[in-house]
Amino acid sequence: MIGRVQKSDQAIYIVDDDPAVRDALAVVFELEGYKVSGYETGDAFLEAAKTHPPACVFLDVHMPGRSGLDILKALNADHYPAPIFIISGQGDIPMAVTAIKFGAFDFIEKPFDADHIVQRVQEALDAQARRGGEDHKSVAHDFPGRELLTPREIEVLGQITAGASNKEAGRHLGISPRTIEVHRARIMEKLGARNAADLVRIVLTGEHG
């Protein structure tokens, strides 16, 4: 069994040009025992992350200078070891979905609920810890289009082919069911699958229907 890392050893980075958001999130996580650092710009965050990699990142999409999407690209977010949550208002949901496609781990909607955010972060960190001990045996190592998928899409595909629902897959991977839906749609598009059964057939037999 993989043990949890001490919270005091885990740094949460909050990247948002609104000081009220940075302060509010800092209070929530510091009360839970996490170390918290806030950054007003993406560039300041990128510079700090070079020397002190975070355990988890909260990133606003709309910032002066480099946007959240620019930061995701700079980090090569699909392969970034720390989960990156996008901070999203209700009107920013399409942008949040785009951010998922650029490698964001998940998104958190405003207004924030403190208990919910803490739970989401712990689930994400637990999923990251599990990820280190899994080799994704549930996904075949070779099937048409596998090279088109990101590491997270392969994880989601493993859950789909194992028969997990969006909710079950999200719980296992530490992300929301809505984000699972985004990944599922993108996987089906990349592999040319028309439905879930078609997707499983491609992965297990290497054949398109």
N, C-alpha and C. Protein backbone atom coordinates (compact mmCIF):
# COMPACT_ATOMS: atom_id res chain seq x y z
N MET A 1 0.84 -1.20 0.00
CA MET A 1 0.00 0.00 0.00
C MET A 1 0.87 1.25 0.00
N ILE A 2 0.52 2.22 -0.81
CA ILE A 2 1.32 3.44 -0.90
C ILE A 2 0.86 4.43 0.16
N GLY A 3 1.76 4.86 1.02
CA GLY A 3 1.41 5.79 2.08
C GLY A 3 1.30 7.21 1.57
N ARG A 4 0.54 8.00 2.30
CA ARG A 4 0.40 9.40 1.93
C ARG A 4 1.63 10.18 2.37
N VAL A 5 2.04 11.12 1.54
CA VAL A 5 3.12 12.02 1.89
C VAL A 5 2.60 13.03 2.90
N GLN A 6 3.45 13.44 3.83
CA GLN A 6 3.04 14.46 4.79
C GLN A 6 2.63 15.74 4.08
N LYS A 7 1.52 16.34 4.50
CA LYS A 7 1.05 17.57 3.86
C LYS A 7 2.10 18.68 3.95
N SER A 8 2.83 18.71 5.06
CA SER A 8 3.81 19.78 5.25
C SER A 8 4.95 19.70 4.24
N ASP A 9 5.07 18.54 3.58
CA ASP A 9 6.10 18.37 2.55
C ASP A 9 5.57 18.66 1.15
N GLN A 10 4.27 18.98 1.06
CA GLN A 10 3.64 19.19 -0.23
C GLN A 10 3.35 20.68 -0.45
N ALA A 11 3.89 21.23 -1.51
CA ALA A 11 3.70 22.65 -1.80
C ALA A 11 2.59 22.83 -2.84
N ILE A 12 1.64 23.68 -2.51
CA ILE A 12 0.57 24.02 -3.45
C ILE A 12 0.85 25.42 -3.99
N TYR A 13 0.91 25.54 -5.31
CA TYR A 13 1.18 26.82 -5.94
C TYR A 13 -0.13 27.37 -6.51
N ILE A 14 -0.42 28.62 -6.18
CA ILE A 14 -1.63 29.29 -6.67
C ILE A 14 -1.22 30.41 -7.60
N VAL A 15 -1.62 30.30 -8.87
CA VAL A 15 -1.22 31.26 -9.89
C VAL A 15 -2.46 32.03 -10.35
N ASP A 16 -2.60 33.26 -9.85
CA ASP A 16 -3.79 34.06 -10.16
C ASP A 16 -3.45 35.52 -9.93
N ASP A 17 -3.86 36.39 -10.85
CA ASP A 17 -3.53 37.82 -10.70
C ASP A 17 -4.46 38.52 -9.70
N ASP A 18 -5.47 37.81 -9.20
CA ASP A 18 -6.39 38.38 -8.21
C ASP A 18 -5.89 38.01 -6.81
N PRO A 19 -5.41 39.00 -6.03
CA PRO A 19 -4.88 38.68 -4.70
C PRO A 19 -5.93 38.08 -3.76
N ALA A 20 -7.20 38.42 -3.97
CA ALA A 20 -8.26 37.87 -3.12
C ALA A 20 -8.37 36.36 -3.31
N VAL A 21 -8.24 35.91 -4.55
CA VAL A 21 -8.30 34.47 -4.83
C VAL A 21 -7.08 33.77 -4.23
N ARG A 22 -5.90 34.36 -4.43
CA ARG A 22 -4.68 33.77 -3.86
C ARG A 22 -4.79 33.66 -2.35
N ASP A 23 -5.26 34.73 -1.71
CA ASP A 23 -5.35 34.74 -0.24
C ASP A 23 -6.37 33.72 0.25
N ALA A 24 -7.51 33.66 -0.41
CA ALA A 24 -8.57 32.75 0.03
C ALA A 24 -8.11 31.29 -0.05
N LEU A 25 -7.49 30.93 -1.17
CA LEU A 25 -7.02 29.55 -1.33
C LEU A 25 -5.86 29.26 -0.38
N ALA A 26 -5.01 30.25 -0.16
CA ALA A 26 -3.88 30.05 0.75
C ALA A 26 -4.39 29.74 2.16
N VAL A 27 -5.38 30.48 2.62
CA VAL A 27 -5.94 30.25 3.96
C VAL A 27 -6.50 28.83 4.06
N VAL A 28 -7.26 28.41 3.04
CA VAL A 28 -7.88 27.08 3.05
C VAL A 28 -6.82 25.99 3.20
N PHE A 29 -5.77 26.07 2.39
CA PHE A 29 -4.79 24.98 2.38
C PHE A 29 -3.79 25.07 3.54
N GLU A 30 -3.47 26.27 3.97
CA GLU A 30 -2.57 26.39 5.12
C GLU A 30 -3.24 25.84 6.38
N LEU A 31 -4.55 26.05 6.50
CA LEU A 31 -5.29 25.49 7.64
C LEU A 31 -5.26 23.96 7.62
N GLU A 32 -5.11 23.40 6.42
CA GLU A 32 -5.04 21.94 6.28
C GLU A 32 -3.61 21.42 6.45
N GLY A 33 -2.66 22.33 6.62
CA GLY A 33 -1.28 21.91 6.87
C GLY A 33 -0.37 21.88 5.66
N TYR A 34 -0.87 22.38 4.50
CA TYR A 34 -0.04 22.41 3.30
C TYR A 34 0.85 23.67 3.30
N LYS A 35 1.95 23.59 2.58
CA LYS A 35 2.72 24.79 2.27
C LYS A 35 2.08 25.43 1.04
N VAL A 36 1.95 26.74 1.04
CA VAL A 36 1.30 27.43 -0.07
C VAL A 36 2.15 28.60 -0.55
N SER A 37 2.29 28.72 -1.89
CA SER A 37 2.97 29.87 -2.48
C SER A 37 2.05 30.46 -3.54
N GLY A 38 1.94 31.79 -3.56
CA GLY A 38 1.09 32.46 -4.53
C GLY A 38 1.89 33.24 -5.55
N TYR A 39 1.42 33.27 -6.78
CA TYR A 39 2.12 33.97 -7.86
C TYR A 39 1.12 34.79 -8.68
N GLU A 40 1.50 36.02 -8.93
CA GLU A 40 0.61 36.94 -9.64
C GLU A 40 0.65 36.72 -11.15
N THR A 41 1.78 36.21 -11.64
CA THR A 41 1.92 35.98 -13.08
C THR A 41 2.42 34.56 -13.36
N GLY A 42 2.14 34.12 -14.57
CA GLY A 42 2.61 32.80 -14.97
C GLY A 42 4.12 32.71 -15.02
N ASP A 43 4.76 33.79 -15.44
CA ASP A 43 6.22 33.77 -15.52
C ASP A 43 6.86 33.59 -14.15
N ALA A 44 6.31 34.26 -13.13
CA ALA A 44 6.84 34.13 -11.77
C ALA A 44 6.69 32.69 -11.28
N PHE A 45 5.56 32.09 -11.60
CA PHE A 45 5.33 30.70 -11.22
C PHE A 45 6.33 29.77 -11.92
N LEU A 46 6.49 29.95 -13.24
CA LEU A 46 7.40 29.09 -13.99
C LEU A 46 8.82 29.16 -13.45
N GLU A 47 9.24 30.36 -13.07
CA GLU A 47 10.60 30.54 -12.53
C GLU A 47 10.74 29.78 -11.21
N ALA A 48 9.74 29.90 -10.34
CA ALA A 48 9.79 29.23 -9.04
C ALA A 48 9.73 27.71 -9.20
N ALA A 49 8.92 27.24 -10.15
CA ALA A 49 8.73 25.80 -10.33
C ALA A 49 9.99 25.11 -10.84
N LYS A 50 10.89 25.88 -11.45
CA LYS A 50 12.15 25.29 -11.94
C LYS A 50 12.98 24.75 -10.79
N THR A 51 13.01 25.48 -9.68
CA THR A 51 13.86 25.11 -8.55
C THR A 51 13.11 24.36 -7.45
N HIS A 52 11.82 24.65 -7.31
CA HIS A 52 11.02 24.00 -6.27
C HIS A 52 9.72 23.49 -6.88
N PRO A 53 9.73 22.30 -7.47
CA PRO A 53 8.53 21.77 -8.12
C PRO A 53 7.38 21.62 -7.12
N PRO A 54 6.17 22.01 -7.53
CA PRO A 54 5.01 21.92 -6.65
C PRO A 54 4.44 20.51 -6.60
N ALA A 55 3.61 20.26 -5.58
CA ALA A 55 2.86 19.01 -5.52
C ALA A 55 1.53 19.15 -6.25
N CYS A 56 1.04 20.40 -6.33
CA CYS A 56 -0.24 20.67 -6.97
C CYS A 56 -0.28 22.14 -7.37
N VAL A 57 -0.97 22.44 -8.47
CA VAL A 57 -1.02 23.81 -8.97
C VAL A 57 -2.47 24.23 -9.22
N PHE A 58 -2.81 25.45 -8.80
CA PHE A 58 -4.07 26.09 -9.20
C PHE A 58 -3.72 27.22 -10.15
N LEU A 59 -4.31 27.19 -11.33
CA LEU A 59 -3.91 28.11 -12.39
C LEU A 59 -5.13 28.82 -12.98
N ASP A 60 -5.12 30.14 -12.95
CA ASP A 60 -6.20 30.90 -13.55
C ASP A 60 -5.98 30.98 -15.07
N VAL A 61 -7.06 30.85 -15.82
CA VAL A 61 -6.95 30.91 -17.28
C VAL A 61 -6.66 32.34 -17.74
N HIS A 62 -7.36 33.30 -17.13
CA HIS A 62 -7.27 34.69 -17.58
C HIS A 62 -6.28 35.47 -16.72
N MET A 63 -5.11 35.73 -17.25
CA MET A 63 -4.11 36.52 -16.54
C MET A 63 -3.43 37.48 -17.50
N PRO A 64 -2.92 38.60 -17.00
CA PRO A 64 -2.15 39.50 -17.86
C PRO A 64 -0.88 38.78 -18.33
N GLY A 65 -0.41 39.14 -19.50
CA GLY A 65 0.79 38.46 -20.02
C GLY A 65 0.42 37.09 -20.52
N ARG A 66 1.16 36.09 -20.10
CA ARG A 66 0.88 34.73 -20.55
C ARG A 66 -0.38 34.18 -19.89
N SER A 67 -1.27 33.65 -20.70
CA SER A 67 -2.52 33.09 -20.18
C SER A 67 -2.27 31.72 -19.55
N GLY A 68 -3.31 31.21 -18.90
CA GLY A 68 -3.20 29.87 -18.34
C GLY A 68 -2.89 28.83 -19.40
N LEU A 69 -3.48 28.97 -20.58
CA LEU A 69 -3.20 28.02 -21.66
C LEU A 69 -1.74 28.10 -22.09
N ASP A 70 -1.19 29.32 -22.13
CA ASP A 70 0.23 29.49 -22.47
C ASP A 70 1.11 28.77 -21.45
N ILE A 71 0.73 28.86 -20.18
CA ILE A 71 1.51 28.22 -19.12
C ILE A 71 1.43 26.70 -19.26
N LEU A 72 0.26 26.18 -19.58
CA LEU A 72 0.11 24.74 -19.79
C LEU A 72 1.03 24.25 -20.90
N LYS A 73 1.11 25.03 -21.97
CA LYS A 73 2.01 24.67 -23.08
C LYS A 73 3.46 24.70 -22.63
N ALA A 74 3.82 25.75 -21.88
CA ALA A 74 5.20 25.90 -21.43
C ALA A 74 5.62 24.75 -20.51
N LEU A 75 4.67 24.23 -19.74
CA LEU A 75 4.96 23.14 -18.81
C LEU A 75 4.91 21.77 -19.47
N ASN A 76 4.43 21.72 -20.73
CA ASN A 76 4.15 20.43 -21.36
C ASN A 76 3.24 19.64 -20.41
N ALA A 77 2.09 20.24 -20.12
CA ALA A 77 1.24 19.81 -19.01
C ALA A 77 0.80 18.35 -19.09
N ASP A 78 0.69 17.79 -20.30
CA ASP A 78 0.32 16.38 -20.43
C ASP A 78 1.28 15.47 -19.69
N HIS A 79 2.52 15.92 -19.56
CA HIS A 79 3.56 15.09 -18.93
C HIS A 79 4.05 15.68 -17.61
N TYR A 80 3.38 16.72 -17.12
CA TYR A 80 3.83 17.37 -15.89
C TYR A 80 3.46 16.50 -14.69
N PRO A 81 4.39 16.27 -13.77
CA PRO A 81 4.13 15.32 -12.67
C PRO A 81 3.10 15.78 -11.66
N ALA A 82 2.92 17.10 -11.49
CA ALA A 82 1.96 17.60 -10.50
C ALA A 82 0.61 17.87 -11.16
N PRO A 83 -0.50 17.53 -10.49
CA PRO A 83 -1.82 17.87 -11.05
C PRO A 83 -2.01 19.38 -11.12
N ILE A 84 -2.53 19.85 -12.25
CA ILE A 84 -2.79 21.27 -12.46
C ILE A 84 -4.29 21.49 -12.57
N PHE A 85 -4.85 22.20 -11.59
CA PHE A 85 -6.27 22.53 -11.61
C PHE A 85 -6.45 23.92 -12.22
N ILE A 86 -7.36 24.03 -13.15
CA ILE A 86 -7.70 25.32 -13.74
C ILE A 86 -8.79 25.97 -12.89
N ILE A 87 -8.60 27.23 -12.54
CA ILE A 87 -9.61 28.00 -11.82
C ILE A 87 -10.58 28.56 -12.84
N SER A 88 -11.86 28.22 -12.70
CA SER A 88 -12.82 28.55 -13.74
C SER A 88 -14.10 29.14 -13.17
N GLY A 89 -14.54 30.26 -13.75
CA GLY A 89 -15.88 30.78 -13.47
C GLY A 89 -16.87 30.02 -14.33
N GLN A 90 -18.16 30.13 -14.03
CA GLN A 90 -19.16 29.37 -14.79
C GLN A 90 -19.12 29.69 -16.28
N GLY A 91 -18.82 30.95 -16.61
CA GLY A 91 -18.76 31.33 -18.01
C GLY A 91 -17.51 30.86 -18.71
N ASP A 92 -16.58 30.29 -17.93
CA ASP A 92 -15.30 29.85 -18.49
C ASP A 92 -15.25 28.35 -18.74
N ILE A 93 -16.38 27.66 -18.64
CA ILE A 93 -16.36 26.21 -18.79
C ILE A 93 -15.79 25.77 -20.15
N PRO A 94 -16.19 26.41 -21.28
CA PRO A 94 -15.56 26.01 -22.55
C PRO A 94 -14.05 26.18 -22.53
N MET A 95 -13.57 27.25 -21.88
CA MET A 95 -12.14 27.47 -21.76
C MET A 95 -11.50 26.39 -20.89
N ALA A 96 -12.21 25.98 -19.83
CA ALA A 96 -11.70 24.93 -18.96
C ALA A 96 -11.58 23.61 -19.73
N VAL A 97 -12.55 23.32 -20.57
CA VAL A 97 -12.49 22.11 -21.39
C VAL A 97 -11.29 22.17 -22.33
N THR A 98 -11.05 23.34 -22.91
CA THR A 98 -9.86 23.51 -23.76
C THR A 98 -8.59 23.27 -22.96
N ALA A 99 -8.58 23.76 -21.72
CA ALA A 99 -7.41 23.58 -20.86
C ALA A 99 -7.15 22.10 -20.58
N ILE A 100 -8.22 21.30 -20.41
CA ILE A 100 -8.07 19.86 -20.21
C ILE A 100 -7.37 19.25 -21.43
N LYS A 101 -7.76 19.71 -22.61
CA LYS A 101 -7.15 19.21 -23.85
C LYS A 101 -5.67 19.60 -23.94
N PHE A 102 -5.30 20.70 -23.26
CA PHE A 102 -3.91 21.14 -23.23
C PHE A 102 -3.12 20.50 -22.09
N GLY A 103 -3.78 19.60 -21.34
CA GLY A 103 -3.05 18.87 -20.31
C GLY A 103 -3.37 19.20 -18.88
N ALA A 104 -4.32 20.14 -18.63
CA ALA A 104 -4.71 20.41 -17.25
C ALA A 104 -5.31 19.14 -16.64
N PHE A 105 -5.10 18.95 -15.36
CA PHE A 105 -5.59 17.75 -14.69
C PHE A 105 -7.11 17.78 -14.53
N ASP A 106 -7.62 18.93 -14.12
CA ASP A 106 -9.04 19.08 -13.86
C ASP A 106 -9.33 20.56 -13.68
N PHE A 107 -10.58 20.91 -13.42
CA PHE A 107 -10.88 22.32 -13.17
C PHE A 107 -11.77 22.47 -11.95
N ILE A 108 -11.61 23.60 -11.28
CA ILE A 108 -12.39 23.94 -10.09
C ILE A 108 -13.22 25.17 -10.42
N GLU A 109 -14.53 25.09 -10.19
CA GLU A 109 -15.40 26.22 -10.52
C GLU A 109 -15.56 27.17 -9.34
N LYS A 110 -15.59 28.47 -9.66
CA LYS A 110 -15.96 29.48 -8.67
C LYS A 110 -17.49 29.52 -8.56
N PRO A 111 -18.04 29.87 -7.40
CA PRO A 111 -17.34 30.17 -6.14
C PRO A 111 -16.83 28.89 -5.49
N PHE A 112 -15.74 29.01 -4.72
CA PHE A 112 -15.11 27.84 -4.13
C PHE A 112 -15.82 27.38 -2.87
N ASP A 113 -15.86 26.07 -2.68
CA ASP A 113 -16.28 25.49 -1.42
C ASP A 113 -15.02 24.87 -0.79
N ALA A 114 -14.63 25.37 0.37
CA ALA A 114 -13.35 25.00 0.97
C ALA A 114 -13.19 23.49 1.15
N ASP A 115 -14.20 22.85 1.74
CA ASP A 115 -14.09 21.41 1.98
C ASP A 115 -13.98 20.63 0.68
N HIS A 116 -14.75 21.08 -0.33
CA HIS A 116 -14.74 20.39 -1.62
C HIS A 116 -13.36 20.50 -2.29
N ILE A 117 -12.76 21.68 -2.23
CA ILE A 117 -11.45 21.88 -2.85
C ILE A 117 -10.39 21.02 -2.17
N VAL A 118 -10.40 21.00 -0.85
CA VAL A 118 -9.42 20.20 -0.12
C VAL A 118 -9.57 18.72 -0.48
N GLN A 119 -10.81 18.27 -0.56
CA GLN A 119 -11.06 16.87 -0.92
C GLN A 119 -10.56 16.56 -2.33
N ARG A 120 -10.84 17.48 -3.27
CA ARG A 120 -10.41 17.27 -4.65
C ARG A 120 -8.88 17.19 -4.75
N VAL A 121 -8.20 18.04 -4.01
CA VAL A 121 -6.73 18.03 -4.06
C VAL A 121 -6.19 16.74 -3.46
N GLN A 122 -6.75 16.32 -2.33
CA GLN A 122 -6.26 15.07 -1.71
C GLN A 122 -6.50 13.88 -2.63
N GLU A 123 -7.66 13.85 -3.29
CA GLU A 123 -7.96 12.78 -4.24
C GLU A 123 -6.96 12.79 -5.39
N ALA A 124 -6.64 13.99 -5.86
CA ALA A 124 -5.69 14.12 -6.97
C ALA A 124 -4.31 13.64 -6.56
N LEU A 125 -3.87 14.01 -5.36
CA LEU A 125 -2.55 13.61 -4.89
C LEU A 125 -2.51 12.11 -4.62
N ASP A 126 -3.59 11.56 -4.10
CA ASP A 126 -3.65 10.11 -3.88
C ASP A 126 -3.59 9.37 -5.22
N ALA A 127 -4.29 9.91 -6.22
CA ALA A 127 -4.27 9.30 -7.55
C ALA A 127 -2.87 9.35 -8.14
N GLN A 128 -2.17 10.48 -7.92
CA GLN A 128 -0.79 10.59 -8.41
C GLN A 128 0.10 9.54 -7.75
N ALA A 129 -0.11 9.31 -6.46
CA ALA A 129 0.68 8.31 -5.75
C ALA A 129 0.40 6.91 -6.29
N ARG A 130 -0.89 6.62 -6.54
CA ARG A 130 -1.24 5.31 -7.12
C ARG A 130 -0.64 5.15 -8.50
N ARG A 131 -0.64 6.25 -9.25
CA ARG A 131 -0.15 6.22 -10.63
C ARG A 131 1.29 5.72 -10.68
N GLY A 132 2.07 6.09 -9.68
CA GLY A 132 3.46 5.67 -9.66
C GLY A 132 3.63 4.17 -9.49
N GLY A 133 2.59 3.51 -8.97
CA GLY A 133 2.71 2.07 -8.75
C GLY A 133 1.94 1.23 -9.74
N GLU A 134 1.38 1.85 -10.78
CA GLU A 134 0.60 1.11 -11.77
C GLU A 134 1.29 1.13 -13.12
N ASP A 135 1.11 0.07 -13.88
CA ASP A 135 1.71 0.03 -15.22
C ASP A 135 0.66 -0.05 -16.31
N HIS A 136 -0.62 0.22 -15.92
CA HIS A 136 -1.72 0.28 -16.89
C HIS A 136 -1.85 -1.00 -17.71
N LYS A 137 -1.81 -2.14 -17.01
CA LYS A 137 -1.93 -3.42 -17.69
C LYS A 137 -3.27 -3.55 -18.42
N SER A 138 -4.27 -2.79 -17.95
CA SER A 138 -5.60 -2.94 -18.53
C SER A 138 -5.68 -2.40 -19.95
N VAL A 139 -4.66 -1.66 -20.39
CA VAL A 139 -4.64 -1.14 -21.76
C VAL A 139 -3.57 -1.89 -22.56
N ALA A 140 -3.98 -2.41 -23.71
CA ALA A 140 -3.02 -3.12 -24.56
C ALA A 140 -1.87 -2.19 -24.93
N HIS A 141 -0.69 -2.76 -25.06
CA HIS A 141 0.47 -1.94 -25.36
C HIS A 141 0.52 -1.51 -26.82
N ASP A 142 -0.29 -2.17 -27.65
CA ASP A 142 -0.25 -1.81 -29.06
C ASP A 142 -1.63 -1.95 -29.67
N PHE A 143 -2.17 -0.84 -30.16
CA PHE A 143 -3.42 -0.85 -30.89
C PHE A 143 -3.42 0.38 -31.79
N PRO A 144 -4.20 0.39 -32.86
CA PRO A 144 -4.16 1.50 -33.81
C PRO A 144 -4.48 2.84 -33.15
N GLY A 145 -3.57 3.80 -33.26
CA GLY A 145 -3.80 5.13 -32.72
C GLY A 145 -3.29 5.35 -31.32
N ARG A 146 -2.68 4.33 -30.70
CA ARG A 146 -2.21 4.48 -29.31
C ARG A 146 -1.23 5.66 -29.18
N GLU A 147 -0.41 5.84 -30.21
CA GLU A 147 0.61 6.89 -30.15
C GLU A 147 -0.01 8.29 -30.18
N LEU A 148 -1.29 8.39 -30.52
CA LEU A 148 -1.97 9.69 -30.56
C LEU A 148 -2.45 10.13 -29.17
N LEU A 149 -2.48 9.20 -28.24
CA LEU A 149 -3.06 9.47 -26.93
C LEU A 149 -2.02 9.98 -25.93
N THR A 150 -2.46 10.88 -25.05
CA THR A 150 -1.60 11.38 -23.99
C THR A 150 -1.58 10.33 -22.86
N PRO A 151 -0.61 10.44 -21.95
CA PRO A 151 -0.59 9.49 -20.82
C PRO A 151 -1.90 9.46 -20.03
N ARG A 152 -2.51 10.63 -19.81
CA ARG A 152 -3.77 10.65 -19.05
C ARG A 152 -4.90 10.02 -19.84
N GLU A 153 -4.91 10.25 -21.15
CA GLU A 153 -5.96 9.62 -21.97
C GLU A 153 -5.82 8.10 -21.94
N ILE A 154 -4.60 7.60 -21.88
CA ILE A 154 -4.40 6.15 -21.78
C ILE A 154 -4.93 5.63 -20.45
N GLU A 155 -4.74 6.41 -19.39
CA GLU A 155 -5.28 6.02 -18.08
C GLU A 155 -6.81 5.98 -18.12
N VAL A 156 -7.41 7.00 -18.72
CA VAL A 156 -8.86 7.05 -18.83
C VAL A 156 -9.36 5.88 -19.68
N LEU A 157 -8.66 5.60 -20.76
CA LEU A 157 -9.03 4.49 -21.64
C LEU A 157 -8.98 3.16 -20.88
N GLY A 158 -7.98 3.02 -20.01
CA GLY A 158 -7.90 1.82 -19.20
C GLY A 158 -9.12 1.63 -18.33
N GLN A 159 -9.64 2.73 -17.78
CA GLN A 159 -10.85 2.67 -16.96
C GLN A 159 -12.08 2.32 -17.81
N ILE A 160 -12.15 2.91 -19.01
CA ILE A 160 -13.28 2.66 -19.89
C ILE A 160 -13.32 1.19 -20.30
N THR A 161 -12.17 0.66 -20.72
CA THR A 161 -12.13 -0.73 -21.19
C THR A 161 -12.35 -1.72 -20.04
N ALA A 162 -12.13 -1.26 -18.80
CA ALA A 162 -12.40 -2.11 -17.64
C ALA A 162 -13.87 -2.04 -17.24
N GLY A 163 -14.64 -1.20 -17.94
CA GLY A 163 -16.07 -1.12 -17.69
C GLY A 163 -16.49 -0.11 -16.64
N ALA A 164 -15.56 0.77 -16.24
CA ALA A 164 -15.89 1.77 -15.22
C ALA A 164 -16.80 2.85 -15.78
N SER A 165 -17.71 3.33 -14.95
CA SER A 165 -18.54 4.47 -15.33
C SER A 165 -17.70 5.74 -15.23
N ASN A 166 -18.23 6.85 -15.76
CA ASN A 166 -17.50 8.12 -15.65
C ASN A 166 -17.22 8.46 -14.18
N LYS A 167 -18.21 8.20 -13.33
CA LYS A 167 -18.04 8.51 -11.90
C LYS A 167 -16.98 7.62 -11.27
N GLU A 168 -17.02 6.34 -11.58
CA GLU A 168 -16.03 5.40 -11.02
C GLU A 168 -14.62 5.73 -11.53
N ALA A 169 -14.53 6.01 -12.84
CA ALA A 169 -13.23 6.35 -13.41
C ALA A 169 -12.68 7.62 -12.80
N GLY A 170 -13.56 8.60 -12.61
CA GLY A 170 -13.13 9.86 -12.00
C GLY A 170 -12.64 9.66 -10.58
N ARG A 171 -13.34 8.82 -9.83
CA ARG A 171 -12.94 8.57 -8.44
C ARG A 171 -11.56 7.91 -8.40
N HIS A 172 -11.32 6.97 -9.29
CA HIS A 172 -10.04 6.26 -9.30
C HIS A 172 -8.89 7.17 -9.72
N LEU A 173 -9.16 8.06 -10.68
CA LEU A 173 -8.09 8.91 -11.22
C LEU A 173 -8.02 10.27 -10.53
N GLY A 174 -8.97 10.55 -9.63
CA GLY A 174 -8.93 11.80 -8.88
C GLY A 174 -9.41 13.01 -9.65
N ILE A 175 -10.24 12.78 -10.69
CA ILE A 175 -10.74 13.90 -11.48
C ILE A 175 -12.27 13.81 -11.57
N SER A 176 -12.90 14.89 -12.01
CA SER A 176 -14.35 14.94 -12.02
C SER A 176 -14.92 14.10 -13.18
N PRO A 177 -16.14 13.59 -13.02
CA PRO A 177 -16.78 12.84 -14.11
C PRO A 177 -16.88 13.68 -15.39
N ARG A 178 -17.07 15.00 -15.25
CA ARG A 178 -17.17 15.85 -16.43
C ARG A 178 -15.84 15.85 -17.20
N THR A 179 -14.74 15.83 -16.47
CA THR A 179 -13.44 15.79 -17.13
C THR A 179 -13.20 14.43 -17.79
N ILE A 180 -13.70 13.36 -17.16
CA ILE A 180 -13.64 12.04 -17.80
C ILE A 180 -14.37 12.09 -19.15
N GLU A 181 -15.53 12.77 -19.18
CA GLU A 181 -16.30 12.89 -20.42
C GLU A 181 -15.49 13.60 -21.50
N VAL A 182 -14.76 14.65 -21.11
CA VAL A 182 -13.92 15.37 -22.07
C VAL A 182 -12.86 14.43 -22.64
N HIS A 183 -12.21 13.69 -21.77
CA HIS A 183 -11.17 12.76 -22.24
C HIS A 183 -11.77 11.66 -23.11
N ARG A 184 -12.93 11.13 -22.69
CA ARG A 184 -13.57 10.05 -23.45
C ARG A 184 -13.88 10.51 -24.88
N ALA A 185 -14.45 11.72 -25.00
CA ALA A 185 -14.79 12.24 -26.32
C ALA A 185 -13.54 12.43 -27.17
N ARG A 186 -12.48 12.92 -26.54
CA ARG A 186 -11.23 13.15 -27.28
C ARG A 186 -10.59 11.82 -27.70
N ILE A 187 -10.64 10.82 -26.84
CA ILE A 187 -10.09 9.51 -27.18
C ILE A 187 -10.86 8.90 -28.36
N MET A 188 -12.19 8.99 -28.30
CA MET A 188 -13.00 8.43 -29.38
C MET A 188 -12.73 9.13 -30.70
N GLU A 189 -12.54 10.46 -30.63
CA GLU A 189 -12.23 11.22 -31.83
C GLU A 189 -10.88 10.80 -32.42
N LYS A 190 -9.89 10.66 -31.56
CA LYS A 190 -8.55 10.30 -32.02
C LYS A 190 -8.50 8.89 -32.61
N LEU A 191 -9.24 7.97 -31.99
CA LEU A 191 -9.19 6.57 -32.43
C LEU A 191 -10.25 6.24 -33.48
N GLY A 192 -11.12 7.20 -33.78
CA GLY A 192 -12.15 6.96 -34.78
C GLY A 192 -13.23 6.01 -34.30
N ALA A 193 -13.50 6.01 -33.00
CA ALA A 193 -14.52 5.12 -32.43
C ALA A 193 -15.87 5.83 -32.45
N ARG A 194 -16.93 5.10 -32.77
CA ARG A 194 -18.27 5.69 -32.85
C ARG A 194 -18.99 5.63 -31.50
N ASN A 195 -18.62 4.66 -30.67
CA ASN A 195 -19.26 4.52 -29.36
C ASN A 195 -18.31 3.75 -28.45
N ALA A 196 -18.73 3.53 -27.22
CA ALA A 196 -17.86 2.87 -26.24
C ALA A 196 -17.52 1.44 -26.66
N ALA A 197 -18.51 0.73 -27.21
CA ALA A 197 -18.26 -0.65 -27.63
C ALA A 197 -17.22 -0.69 -28.76
N ASP A 198 -17.33 0.26 -29.67
CA ASP A 198 -16.36 0.37 -30.76
C ASP A 198 -14.97 0.64 -30.21
N LEU A 199 -14.91 1.48 -29.19
CA LEU A 199 -13.65 1.84 -28.56
C LEU A 199 -12.98 0.61 -27.95
N VAL A 200 -13.76 -0.17 -27.22
CA VAL A 200 -13.22 -1.39 -26.59
C VAL A 200 -12.73 -2.36 -27.66
N ARG A 201 -13.47 -2.49 -28.75
CA ARG A 201 -13.07 -3.41 -29.82
C ARG A 201 -11.74 -3.00 -30.44
N ILE A 202 -11.57 -1.69 -30.66
CA ILE A 202 -10.31 -1.20 -31.22
C ILE A 202 -9.13 -1.53 -30.31
N VAL A 203 -9.33 -1.31 -29.02
CA VAL A 203 -8.24 -1.51 -28.07
C VAL A 203 -7.92 -3.00 -27.89
N LEU A 204 -8.96 -3.83 -27.79
CA LEU A 204 -8.73 -5.24 -27.49
C LEU A 204 -8.38 -6.07 -28.71
N THR A 205 -8.89 -5.70 -29.88
CA THR A 205 -8.65 -6.51 -31.07
C THR A 205 -7.84 -5.81 -32.13
N GLY A 206 -7.71 -4.46 -31.99
CA GLY A 206 -6.96 -3.71 -33.01
C GLY A 206 -7.75 -3.51 -34.28
N GLU A 207 -9.06 -3.73 -34.21
CA GLU A 207 -9.89 -3.61 -35.42
C GLU A 207 -10.91 -2.51 -35.27
N HIS A 208 -11.11 -1.78 -36.34
CA HIS A 208 -12.19 -0.80 -36.40
C HIS A 208 -13.44 -1.50 -36.89
N GLY A 209 -14.58 -1.04 -36.32
CA GLY A 209 -15.84 -1.64 -36.74
C GLY A 209 -16.29 -1.20 -38.10
